[in-house]
Amino acid sequence: MTRAPATEWITPLRLTTVRLEQQSDKLRRCRDTALGVARAQLESVFAAELAARPEGRRALLLAALETTTSWEAWHHLRFTRTPEAARQVMALMVEALLATGRP
């Protein structure tokens, strides 16, 4: 999973900015921009899987993928597991989401 190294790399910055975002419009805008980029990447990577879902389910699946692959989820996994175990758990969660609703 290529998202894991990027999420690992961003952790020190996120730990600092999480507290400061409440006081800074600029940091909130930067966070929102980064989340938009991450969402666009997910839409691109999982375009076929999203397109195969009924329109009403696409947004739900994308939101679930966003949450599952978020920095917050990664940070929790890394706090409680090794990097390899965290990758395995995240991969399992993504696989389970993509398998939902398949015949």
C-alpha atoms as a PDB file:
ATOM      1  CA  MET A   1       0.000   0.000   0.000  1.00  0.00           C
ATOM      2  CA  THR A   2       1.680   3.233  -1.124  1.00  0.00           C
ATOM      3  CA  ARG A   3      -0.399   5.458   1.116  1.00  0.00           C
ATOM      4  CA  ALA A   4       1.244   4.094   4.273  1.00  0.00           C
ATOM      5  CA  PRO A   5       4.696   5.675   3.727  1.00  0.00           C
ATOM      6  CA  ALA A   6       3.147   9.078   2.968  1.00  0.00           C
ATOM      7  CA  THR A   7       0.930   8.876   6.021  1.00  0.00           C
ATOM      8  CA  GLU A   8       3.859   7.811   8.171  1.00  0.00           C
ATOM      9  CA  TRP A   9       5.926  10.719   6.848  1.00  0.00           C
ATOM     10  CA  ILE A  10       3.215  13.307   7.614  1.00  0.00           C
ATOM     11  CA  THR A  11       2.641  12.149  11.220  1.00  0.00           C
ATOM     12  CA  PRO A  12       4.982  14.604  13.024  1.00  0.00           C
ATOM     13  CA  LEU A  13       3.439  17.534  11.155  1.00  0.00           C
ATOM     14  CA  ARG A  14      -0.142  16.352  11.768  1.00  0.00           C
ATOM     15  CA  LEU A  15       0.487  15.865  15.474  1.00  0.00           C
ATOM     16  CA  THR A  16       1.583  19.497  15.673  1.00  0.00           C
ATOM     17  CA  THR A  17      -1.081  21.020  13.445  1.00  0.00           C
ATOM     18  CA  VAL A  18      -4.063  19.156  14.926  1.00  0.00           C
ATOM     19  CA  ARG A  19      -3.906  21.437  17.959  1.00  0.00           C
ATOM     20  CA  LEU A  20      -3.174  24.595  15.997  1.00  0.00           C
ATOM     21  CA  GLU A  21      -5.943  24.157  13.391  1.00  0.00           C
ATOM     22  CA  GLN A  22      -8.549  25.339  15.877  1.00  0.00           C
ATOM     23  CA  GLN A  23      -6.839  28.738  16.021  1.00  0.00           C
ATOM     24  CA  SER A  24      -5.815  29.166  12.385  1.00  0.00           C
ATOM     25  CA  ASP A  25      -8.006  29.600   9.323  1.00  0.00           C
ATOM     26  CA  LYS A  26      -4.945  29.120   7.119  1.00  0.00           C
ATOM     27  CA  LEU A  27      -4.091  25.753   8.695  1.00  0.00           C
ATOM     28  CA  ARG A  28      -7.720  24.624   8.338  1.00  0.00           C
ATOM     29  CA  ARG A  29      -7.667  25.605   4.657  1.00  0.00           C
ATOM     30  CA  CYS A  30      -4.395  23.702   4.166  1.00  0.00           C
ATOM     31  CA  ARG A  31      -5.889  20.665   5.908  1.00  0.00           C
ATOM     32  CA  ASP A  32      -9.005  20.860   3.742  1.00  0.00           C
ATOM     33  CA  THR A  33      -6.865  21.139   0.605  1.00  0.00           C
ATOM     34  CA  ALA A  34      -4.849  18.075   1.633  1.00  0.00           C
ATOM     35  CA  LEU A  35      -8.045  16.147   2.334  1.00  0.00           C
ATOM     36  CA  GLY A  36      -9.348  17.148  -1.102  1.00  0.00           C
ATOM     37  CA  VAL A  37      -6.175  15.866  -2.750  1.00  0.00           C
ATOM     38  CA  ALA A  38      -6.428  12.588  -0.829  1.00  0.00           C
ATOM     39  CA  ARG A  39     -10.093  12.242  -1.828  1.00  0.00           C
ATOM     40  CA  ALA A  40      -9.250  12.859  -5.496  1.00  0.00           C
ATOM     41  CA  GLN A  41      -6.535  10.189  -5.307  1.00  0.00           C
ATOM     42  CA  LEU A  42      -9.014   7.700  -3.867  1.00  0.00           C
ATOM     43  CA  GLU A  43     -11.538   8.557  -6.588  1.00  0.00           C
ATOM     44  CA  SER A  44      -8.852   7.910  -9.197  1.00  0.00           C
ATOM     45  CA  VAL A  45      -7.415   4.727  -7.698  1.00  0.00           C
ATOM     46  CA  PHE A  46     -10.835   3.202  -7.023  1.00  0.00           C
ATOM     47  CA  ALA A  47     -12.648   4.644 -10.064  1.00  0.00           C
ATOM     48  CA  ALA A  48     -13.760   1.233 -11.364  1.00  0.00           C
ATOM     49  CA  GLU A  49     -14.992   0.073  -7.958  1.00  0.00           C
ATOM     50  CA  LEU A  50     -16.874   3.313  -7.380  1.00  0.00           C
ATOM     51  CA  ALA A  51     -18.403   3.265 -10.860  1.00  0.00           C
ATOM     52  CA  ALA A  52     -19.676  -0.278 -10.277  1.00  0.00           C
ATOM     53  CA  ARG A  53     -21.809   0.894  -7.329  1.00  0.00           C
ATOM     54  CA  PRO A  54     -25.262   2.412  -7.594  1.00  0.00           C
ATOM     55  CA  GLU A  55     -24.965   6.197  -7.496  1.00  0.00           C
ATOM     56  CA  GLY A  56     -26.322   6.501  -3.961  1.00  0.00           C
ATOM     57  CA  ARG A  57     -23.732   4.033  -2.644  1.00  0.00           C
ATOM     58  CA  ARG A  58     -20.721   5.646  -4.350  1.00  0.00           C
ATOM     59  CA  ALA A  59     -20.563   8.565  -1.951  1.00  0.00           C
ATOM     60  CA  LEU A  60     -20.881   6.208   1.018  1.00  0.00           C
ATOM     61  CA  LEU A  61     -18.106   3.950  -0.258  1.00  0.00           C
ATOM     62  CA  LEU A  62     -15.849   6.920  -0.956  1.00  0.00           C
ATOM     63  CA  ALA A  63     -16.477   8.299   2.548  1.00  0.00           C
ATOM     64  CA  ALA A  64     -15.707   4.885   4.037  1.00  0.00           C
ATOM     65  CA  LEU A  65     -12.483   4.655   2.015  1.00  0.00           C
ATOM     66  CA  GLU A  66     -11.527   8.179   3.102  1.00  0.00           C
ATOM     67  CA  THR A  67     -12.033   7.294   6.747  1.00  0.00           C
ATOM     68  CA  THR A  68     -10.295   3.932   6.496  1.00  0.00           C
ATOM     69  CA  THR A  69      -7.222   5.382   4.778  1.00  0.00           C
ATOM     70  CA  SER A  70      -7.107   8.617   6.785  1.00  0.00           C
ATOM     71  CA  TRP A  71      -4.150   9.799   8.784  1.00  0.00           C
ATOM     72  CA  GLU A  72      -6.251   9.422  11.923  1.00  0.00           C
ATOM     73  CA  ALA A  73      -6.863   5.729  11.208  1.00  0.00           C
ATOM     74  CA  TRP A  74      -3.201   5.208  10.328  1.00  0.00           C
ATOM     75  CA  HIS A  75      -2.054   6.973  13.489  1.00  0.00           C
ATOM     76  CA  HIS A  76      -4.281   4.760  15.632  1.00  0.00           C
ATOM     77  CA  LEU A  77      -2.971   1.627  13.924  1.00  0.00           C
ATOM     78  CA  ARG A  78       0.654   2.765  14.261  1.00  0.00           C
ATOM     79  CA  PHE A  79       0.157   3.623  17.912  1.00  0.00           C
ATOM     80  CA  THR A  80      -1.060   0.091  18.606  1.00  0.00           C
ATOM     81  CA  ARG A  81       0.825  -2.009  16.015  1.00  0.00           C
ATOM     82  CA  THR A  82       4.011  -2.332  13.998  1.00  0.00           C
ATOM     83  CA  PRO A  83       4.152  -0.609  10.594  1.00  0.00           C
ATOM     84  CA  GLU A  84       3.696  -3.954   8.791  1.00  0.00           C
ATOM     85  CA  ALA A  85       0.746  -4.968  10.963  1.00  0.00           C
ATOM     86  CA  ALA A  86      -0.797  -1.523  10.432  1.00  0.00           C
ATOM     87  CA  ARG A  87      -0.468  -1.952   6.638  1.00  0.00           C
ATOM     88  CA  GLN A  88      -2.083  -5.368   6.834  1.00  0.00           C
ATOM     89  CA  VAL A  89      -5.011  -4.085   8.894  1.00  0.00           C
ATOM     90  CA  MET A  90      -5.549  -1.144   6.570  1.00  0.00           C
ATOM     91  CA  ALA A  91      -5.420  -3.414   3.514  1.00  0.00           C
ATOM     92  CA  LEU A  92      -7.934  -5.761   5.121  1.00  0.00           C
ATOM     93  CA  MET A  93     -10.309  -2.884   5.838  1.00  0.00           C
ATOM     94  CA  VAL A  94     -10.083  -1.603   2.249  1.00  0.00           C
ATOM     95  CA  GLU A  95     -10.607  -5.108   0.863  1.00  0.00           C
ATOM     96  CA  ALA A  96     -13.662  -5.564   3.089  1.00  0.00           C
ATOM     97  CA  LEU A  97     -15.142  -2.254   1.928  1.00  0.00           C
ATOM     98  CA  LEU A  98     -14.612  -3.125  -1.718  1.00  0.00           C
ATOM     99  CA  ALA A  99     -16.124  -6.593  -1.247  1.00  0.00           C
ATOM    100  CA  THR A 100     -19.284  -5.198   0.347  1.00  0.00           C
ATOM    101  CA  GLY A 101     -22.206  -5.489  -1.992  1.00  0.00           C
ATOM    102  CA  ARG A 102     -20.535  -7.814  -4.458  1.00  0.00           C
ATOM    103  CA  PRO A 103     -22.510 -10.868  -5.538  1.00  0.00           C
END
